[in-house]
PDB file of all heavy atoms in Angstrom:
ATOM      1  N   GLU A   1      -8.102 -65.040  61.393  1.00  0.00           N
ATOM      2  CA  GLU A   1      -6.713 -64.661  61.636  1.00  0.00           C
ATOM      3  C   GLU A   1      -5.963 -64.551  60.320  1.00  0.00           C
ATOM      4  O   GLU A   1      -6.254 -65.271  59.364  1.00  0.00           O
ATOM      5  CB  GLU A   1      -6.017 -65.701  62.526  1.00  0.00           C
ATOM      6  CG  GLU A   1      -6.494 -65.740  63.949  1.00  0.00           C
ATOM      7  CD  GLU A   1      -5.733 -66.766  64.761  1.00  0.00           C
ATOM      8  OE1 GLU A   1      -5.150 -67.688  64.160  1.00  0.00           O
ATOM      9  OE2 GLU A   1      -5.694 -66.637  65.998  1.00  0.00           O
ATOM     10  N   LYS A   2      -4.976 -63.665  60.311  1.00  0.00           N
ATOM     11  CA  LYS A   2      -4.060 -63.553  59.180  1.00  0.00           C
ATOM     12  C   LYS A   2      -2.696 -64.047  59.638  1.00  0.00           C
ATOM     13  O   LYS A   2      -2.099 -63.482  60.553  1.00  0.00           O
ATOM     14  CB  LYS A   2      -3.964 -62.105  58.693  1.00  0.00           C
ATOM     15  CG  LYS A   2      -5.241 -61.584  58.063  1.00  0.00           C
ATOM     16  CD  LYS A   2      -5.059 -60.169  57.547  1.00  0.00           C
ATOM     17  CE  LYS A   2      -6.355 -59.659  56.885  1.00  0.00           C
ATOM     18  NZ  LYS A   2      -6.198 -58.272  56.371  1.00  0.00           N
ATOM     19  N   ILE A   3      -2.225 -65.132  59.012  1.00  0.00           N
ATOM     20  CA  ILE A   3      -0.963 -65.747  59.411  1.00  0.00           C
ATOM     21  C   ILE A   3      -0.148 -66.070  58.166  1.00  0.00           C
ATOM     22  O   ILE A   3      -0.599 -66.806  57.290  1.00  0.00           O
ATOM     23  CB  ILE A   3      -1.191 -67.061  60.207  1.00  0.00           C
ATOM     24  CG1 ILE A   3      -2.138 -66.821  61.381  1.00  0.00           C
ATOM     25  CG2 ILE A   3       0.125 -67.640  60.699  1.00  0.00           C
ATOM     26  CD1 ILE A   3      -2.549 -68.089  62.085  1.00  0.00           C
ATOM     27  N   GLY A   4       1.053 -65.506  58.111  1.00  0.00           N
ATOM     28  CA  GLY A   4       1.977 -65.867  57.035  1.00  0.00           C
ATOM     29  C   GLY A   4       1.416 -65.753  55.640  1.00  0.00           C
ATOM     30  O   GLY A   4       1.609 -66.645  54.812  1.00  0.00           O
ATOM     31  N   GLY A   5       0.698 -64.692  55.355  1.00  0.00           N
ATOM     32  CA  GLY A   5       0.165 -64.478  54.018  1.00  0.00           C
ATOM     33  C   GLY A   5      -1.105 -65.230  53.712  1.00  0.00           C
ATOM     34  O   GLY A   5      -1.571 -65.231  52.573  1.00  0.00           O
ATOM     35  N   ARG A   6      -1.684 -65.867  54.698  1.00  0.00           N
ATOM     36  CA  ARG A   6      -2.949 -66.568  54.481  1.00  0.00           C
ATOM     37  C   ARG A   6      -3.971 -66.110  55.519  1.00  0.00           C
ATOM     38  O   ARG A   6      -3.616 -65.647  56.599  1.00  0.00           O
ATOM     39  CB  ARG A   6      -2.771 -68.081  54.557  1.00  0.00           C
ATOM     40  CG  ARG A   6      -2.400 -68.601  55.930  1.00  0.00           C
ATOM     41  CD  ARG A   6      -2.235 -70.119  55.917  1.00  0.00           C
ATOM     42  NE  ARG A   6      -1.987 -70.666  57.244  1.00  0.00           N
ATOM     43  CZ  ARG A   6      -0.802 -70.800  57.797  1.00  0.00           C
ATOM     44  NH1 ARG A   6       0.287 -70.409  57.128  1.00  0.00           N
ATOM     45  NH2 ARG A   6      -0.676 -71.316  59.007  1.00  0.00           N
ATOM     46  N   VAL A   7      -5.227 -66.248  55.156  1.00  0.00           N
ATOM     47  CA  VAL A   7      -6.319 -65.880  56.051  1.00  0.00           C
ATOM     48  C   VAL A   7      -7.028 -67.166  56.463  1.00  0.00           C
ATOM     49  O   VAL A   7      -7.430 -67.968  55.609  1.00  0.00           O
ATOM     50  CB  VAL A   7      -7.309 -64.920  55.374  1.00  0.00           C
ATOM     51  CG1 VAL A   7      -8.465 -64.612  56.314  1.00  0.00           C
ATOM     52  CG2 VAL A   7      -6.605 -63.639  54.947  1.00  0.00           C
ATOM     53  N   GLU A   8      -7.178 -67.362  57.772  1.00  0.00           N
ATOM     54  CA  GLU A   8      -7.844 -68.551  58.280  1.00  0.00           C
ATOM     55  C   GLU A   8      -9.048 -68.136  59.120  1.00  0.00           C
ATOM     56  O   GLU A   8      -8.932 -67.318  60.022  1.00  0.00           O
ATOM     57  CB  GLU A   8      -6.887 -69.390  59.140  1.00  0.00           C
ATOM     58  CG  GLU A   8      -5.754 -70.010  58.356  1.00  0.00           C
ATOM     59  CD  GLU A   8      -4.911 -70.958  59.208  1.00  0.00           C
ATOM     60  OE1 GLU A   8      -5.265 -71.140  60.393  1.00  0.00           O
ATOM     61  OE2 GLU A   8      -3.935 -71.499  58.690  1.00  0.00           O
ATOM     62  N   SER A   9     -10.187 -68.714  58.788  1.00  0.00           N
ATOM     63  CA  SER A   9     -11.391 -68.466  59.578  1.00  0.00           C
ATOM     64  C   SER A   9     -11.925 -69.792  60.094  1.00  0.00           C
ATOM     65  O   SER A   9     -11.819 -70.828  59.421  1.00  0.00           O
ATOM     66  CB  SER A   9     -12.462 -67.758  58.745  1.00  0.00           C
ATOM     67  OG  SER A   9     -12.935 -68.612  57.718  1.00  0.00           O
ATOM     68  N   ARG A  10     -12.468 -69.765  61.292  1.00  0.00           N
ATOM     69  CA  ARG A  10     -13.029 -70.967  61.915  1.00  0.00           C
ATOM     70  C   ARG A  10     -14.405 -70.637  62.468  1.00  0.00           C
ATOM     71  O   ARG A  10     -14.549 -69.719  63.272  1.00  0.00           O
ATOM     72  CB  ARG A  10     -12.116 -71.474  63.030  1.00  0.00           C
ATOM     73  CG  ARG A  10     -10.722 -71.863  62.561  1.00  0.00           C
ATOM     74  CD  ARG A  10      -9.825 -72.209  63.741  1.00  0.00           C
ATOM     75  NE  ARG A  10      -8.479 -72.527  63.316  1.00  0.00           N
ATOM     76  CZ  ARG A  10      -7.530 -71.628  63.083  1.00  0.00           C
ATOM     77  NH1 ARG A  10      -7.791 -70.335  63.247  1.00  0.00           N
ATOM     78  NH2 ARG A  10      -6.338 -71.997  62.692  1.00  0.00           N
ATOM     79  N   ASN A  11     -15.381 -71.387  62.033  1.00  0.00           N
ATOM     80  CA  ASN A  11     -16.744 -71.206  62.511  1.00  0.00           C
ATOM     81  C   ASN A  11     -17.091 -72.371  63.428  1.00  0.00           C
ATOM     82  O   ASN A  11     -17.043 -73.535  63.035  1.00  0.00           O
ATOM     83  CB  ASN A  11     -17.728 -71.144  61.341  1.00  0.00           C
ATOM     84  CG  ASN A  11     -19.172 -71.063  61.812  1.00  0.00           C
ATOM     85  OD1 ASN A  11     -19.924 -72.016  61.708  1.00  0.00           O
ATOM     86  ND2 ASN A  11     -19.557 -69.911  62.350  1.00  0.00           N
ATOM     87  N   TYR A  12     -17.402 -72.042  64.693  1.00  0.00           N
ATOM     88  CA  TYR A  12     -17.721 -73.057  65.697  1.00  0.00           C
ATOM     89  C   TYR A  12     -19.213 -72.992  66.021  1.00  0.00           C
ATOM     90  O   TYR A  12     -19.746 -71.910  66.261  1.00  0.00           O
ATOM     91  CB  TYR A  12     -16.934 -72.817  66.983  1.00  0.00           C
ATOM     92  CG  TYR A  12     -15.440 -72.762  66.816  1.00  0.00           C
ATOM     93  CD1 TYR A  12     -14.773 -71.531  66.694  1.00  0.00           C
ATOM     94  CD2 TYR A  12     -14.668 -73.922  66.799  1.00  0.00           C
ATOM     95  CE1 TYR A  12     -13.404 -71.468  66.557  1.00  0.00           C
ATOM     96  CE2 TYR A  12     -13.288 -73.863  66.656  1.00  0.00           C
ATOM     97  CZ  TYR A  12     -12.665 -72.640  66.535  1.00  0.00           C
ATOM     98  OH  TYR A  12     -11.286 -72.577  66.395  1.00  0.00           O
ATOM     99  N   VAL A  13     -19.861 -74.156  66.047  1.00  0.00           N
ATOM    100  CA  VAL A  13     -21.280 -74.221  66.392  1.00  0.00           C
ATOM    101  C   VAL A  13     -21.492 -75.392  67.347  1.00  0.00           C
ATOM    102  O   VAL A  13     -20.941 -76.478  67.154  1.00  0.00           O
ATOM    103  CB  VAL A  13     -22.174 -74.414  65.149  1.00  0.00           C
ATOM    104  CG1 VAL A  13     -23.646 -74.386  65.554  1.00  0.00           C
ATOM    105  CG2 VAL A  13     -21.891 -73.355  64.096  1.00  0.00           C
ATOM    106  N   LEU A  14     -22.315 -75.167  68.373  1.00  0.00           N
ATOM    107  CA  LEU A  14     -22.730 -76.223  69.285  1.00  0.00           C
ATOM    108  C   LEU A  14     -24.245 -76.342  69.261  1.00  0.00           C
ATOM    109  O   LEU A  14     -24.949 -75.329  69.302  1.00  0.00           O
ATOM    110  CB  LEU A  14     -22.270 -75.927  70.719  1.00  0.00           C
ATOM    111  CG  LEU A  14     -20.789 -76.091  71.038  1.00  0.00           C
ATOM    112  CD1 LEU A  14     -20.516 -75.660  72.475  1.00  0.00           C
ATOM    113  CD2 LEU A  14     -20.330 -77.530  70.825  1.00  0.00           C
ATOM    114  N   LEU A  15     -24.751 -77.569  69.169  1.00  0.00           N
ATOM    115  CA  LEU A  15     -26.180 -77.853  69.255  1.00  0.00           C
ATOM    116  C   LEU A  15     -26.427 -78.817  70.406  1.00  0.00           C
ATOM    117  O   LEU A  15     -25.549 -79.599  70.773  1.00  0.00           O
ATOM    118  CB  LEU A  15     -26.683 -78.502  67.955  1.00  0.00           C
ATOM    119  CG  LEU A  15     -26.585 -77.717  66.650  1.00  0.00           C
ATOM    120  CD1 LEU A  15     -27.121 -78.569  65.517  1.00  0.00           C
ATOM    121  CD2 LEU A  15     -27.327 -76.404  66.735  1.00  0.00           C
ATOM    122  N   SER A  16     -27.612 -78.773  70.944  1.00  0.00           N
ATOM    123  CA  SER A  16     -27.978 -79.722  71.993  1.00  0.00           C
ATOM    124  C   SER A  16     -27.965 -81.139  71.425  1.00  0.00           C
ATOM    125  O   SER A  16     -28.455 -81.390  70.326  1.00  0.00           O
ATOM    126  CB  SER A  16     -29.372 -79.393  72.544  1.00  0.00           C
ATOM    127  OG  SER A  16     -29.798 -80.423  73.411  1.00  0.00           O
ATOM    128  N   ALA A  17     -27.404 -82.077  72.199  1.00  0.00           N
ATOM    129  CA  ALA A  17     -27.341 -83.476  71.766  1.00  0.00           C
ATOM    130  C   ALA A  17     -28.533 -84.280  72.245  1.00  0.00           C
ATOM    131  O   ALA A  17     -28.604 -85.495  72.028  1.00  0.00           O
ATOM    132  CB  ALA A  17     -26.047 -84.105  72.277  1.00  0.00           C
ATOM    133  N   GLU A  18     -29.492 -83.614  72.867  1.00  0.00           N
ATOM    134  CA  GLU A  18     -30.618 -84.303  73.497  1.00  0.00           C
ATOM    135  C   GLU A  18     -31.414 -85.148  72.508  1.00  0.00           C
ATOM    136  O   GLU A  18     -31.906 -86.227  72.850  1.00  0.00           O
ATOM    137  CB  GLU A  18     -31.531 -83.273  74.169  1.00  0.00           C
ATOM    138  CG  GLU A  18     -32.632 -83.888  74.994  1.00  0.00           C
ATOM    139  CD  GLU A  18     -33.464 -82.837  75.710  1.00  0.00           C
ATOM    140  OE1 GLU A  18     -33.107 -81.640  75.650  1.00  0.00           O
ATOM    141  OE2 GLU A  18     -34.470 -83.209  76.327  1.00  0.00           O
ATOM    142  N   GLU A  19     -31.557 -84.655  71.258  1.00  0.00           N
ATOM    143  CA  GLU A  19     -32.374 -85.364  70.276  1.00  0.00           C
ATOM    144  C   GLU A  19     -31.588 -86.391  69.469  1.00  0.00           C
ATOM    145  O   GLU A  19     -32.143 -87.061  68.603  1.00  0.00           O
ATOM    146  CB  GLU A  19     -32.999 -84.353  69.307  1.00  0.00           C
ATOM    147  CG  GLU A  19     -33.885 -83.310  69.972  1.00  0.00           C
ATOM    148  CD  GLU A  19     -35.061 -83.947  70.704  1.00  0.00           C
ATOM    149  OE1 GLU A  19     -35.610 -84.944  70.183  1.00  0.00           O
ATOM    150  OE2 GLU A  19     -35.417 -83.457  71.786  1.00  0.00           O
ATOM    151  N   LEU A  20     -30.306 -86.533  69.752  1.00  0.00           N
ATOM    152  CA  LEU A  20     -29.474 -87.452  68.980  1.00  0.00           C
ATOM    153  C   LEU A  20     -29.766 -88.900  69.385  1.00  0.00           C
ATOM    154  O   LEU A  20     -29.727 -89.227  70.570  1.00  0.00           O
ATOM    155  CB  LEU A  20     -27.995 -87.131  69.207  1.00  0.00           C
ATOM    156  CG  LEU A  20     -27.009 -87.546  68.114  1.00  0.00           C
ATOM    157  CD1 LEU A  20     -27.290 -86.779  66.827  1.00  0.00           C
ATOM    158  CD2 LEU A  20     -25.580 -87.315  68.571  1.00  0.00           C
ATOM    159  N   PRO A  21     -30.071 -89.788  68.435  1.00  0.00           N
ATOM    160  CA  PRO A  21     -30.370 -91.189  68.773  1.00  0.00           C
ATOM    161  C   PRO A  21     -29.192 -91.851  69.495  1.00  0.00           C
ATOM    162  O   PRO A  21     -28.040 -91.724  69.081  1.00  0.00           O
ATOM    163  CB  PRO A  21     -30.608 -91.842  67.402  1.00  0.00           C
ATOM    164  CG  PRO A  21     -30.995 -90.709  66.505  1.00  0.00           C
ATOM    165  CD  PRO A  21     -30.222 -89.519  66.993  1.00  0.00           C
ATOM    166  N   GLY A  22     -29.490 -92.541  70.586  1.00  0.00           N
ATOM    167  CA  GLY A  22     -28.463 -93.285  71.304  1.00  0.00           C
ATOM    168  C   GLY A  22     -27.451 -92.448  72.048  1.00  0.00           C
ATOM    169  O   GLY A  22     -26.422 -92.968  72.482  1.00  0.00           O
ATOM    170  N   ILE A  23     -27.740 -91.148  72.227  1.00  0.00           N
ATOM    171  CA  ILE A  23     -26.746 -90.281  72.855  1.00  0.00           C
ATOM    172  C   ILE A  23     -26.520 -90.646  74.318  1.00  0.00           C
ATOM    173  O   ILE A  23     -25.469 -90.358  74.891  1.00  0.00           O
ATOM    174  CB  ILE A  23     -27.158 -88.797  72.723  1.00  0.00           C
ATOM    175  CG1 ILE A  23     -25.939 -87.896  72.963  1.00  0.00           C
ATOM    176  CG2 ILE A  23     -28.301 -88.478  73.657  1.00  0.00           C
ATOM    177  CD1 ILE A  23     -24.800 -88.101  72.006  1.00  0.00           C
ATOM    178  N   SER A  24     -27.499 -91.308  74.948  1.00  0.00           N
ATOM    179  CA  SER A  24     -27.351 -91.696  76.354  1.00  0.00           C
ATOM    180  C   SER A  24     -26.220 -92.700  76.551  1.00  0.00           C
ATOM    181  O   SER A  24     -25.716 -92.879  77.658  1.00  0.00           O
ATOM    182  CB  SER A  24     -28.659 -92.276  76.881  1.00  0.00           C
ATOM    183  OG  SER A  24     -29.019 -93.428  76.139  1.00  0.00           O
ATOM    184  N   GLU A  25     -25.805 -93.364  75.467  1.00  0.00           N
ATOM    185  CA  GLU A  25     -24.709 -94.331  75.562  1.00  0.00           C
ATOM    186  C   GLU A  25     -23.352 -93.642  75.638  1.00  0.00           C
ATOM    187  O   GLU A  25     -22.344 -94.290  75.960  1.00  0.00           O
ATOM    188  CB  GLU A  25     -24.741 -95.275  74.356  1.00  0.00           C
ATOM    189  CG  GLU A  25     -26.017 -96.099  74.263  1.00  0.00           C
ATOM    190  CD  GLU A  25     -26.046 -96.964  73.026  1.00  0.00           C
ATOM    191  OE1 GLU A  25     -25.023 -97.007  72.307  1.00  0.00           O
ATOM    192  OE2 GLU A  25     -27.093 -97.599  72.774  1.00  0.00           O
ATOM    193  N   TRP A  26     -23.325 -92.348  75.341  1.00  0.00           N
ATOM    194  CA  TRP A  26     -22.075 -91.577  75.397  1.00  0.00           C
ATOM    195  C   TRP A  26     -22.107 -90.742  76.679  1.00  0.00           C
ATOM    196  O   TRP A  26     -22.802 -89.744  76.757  1.00  0.00           O
ATOM    197  CB  TRP A  26     -21.932 -90.696  74.157  1.00  0.00           C
ATOM    198  CG  TRP A  26     -21.863 -91.492  72.893  1.00  0.00           C
ATOM    199  CD1 TRP A  26     -22.900 -91.927  72.134  1.00  0.00           C
ATOM    200  CD2 TRP A  26     -20.680 -91.994  72.268  1.00  0.00           C
ATOM    201  NE1 TRP A  26     -22.455 -92.652  71.062  1.00  0.00           N
ATOM    202  CE2 TRP A  26     -21.088 -92.721  71.119  1.00  0.00           C
ATOM    203  CE3 TRP A  26     -19.319 -91.900  72.560  1.00  0.00           C
ATOM    204  CZ2 TRP A  26     -20.174 -93.341  70.277  1.00  0.00           C
ATOM    205  CZ3 TRP A  26     -18.406 -92.525  71.718  1.00  0.00           C
ATOM    206  CH2 TRP A  26     -18.837 -93.237  70.591  1.00  0.00           C
ATOM    207  N   ALA A  27     -21.380 -91.173  77.668  1.00  0.00           N
ATOM    208  CA  ALA A  27     -21.446 -90.596  79.012  1.00  0.00           C
ATOM    209  C   ALA A  27     -21.249 -89.094  79.007  1.00  0.00           C
ATOM    210  O   ALA A  27     -20.301 -88.576  78.413  1.00  0.00           O
ATOM    211  CB  ALA A  27     -20.383 -91.242  79.915  1.00  0.00           C
TER     212      ALA A  27
END
């Protein structure tokens, strides 16, 4: 986006949490 003389970019990424240690503790 271009807002008020500045350019802002946002990169969003999602990965599977299945391999994360202890992830089962986070409902």
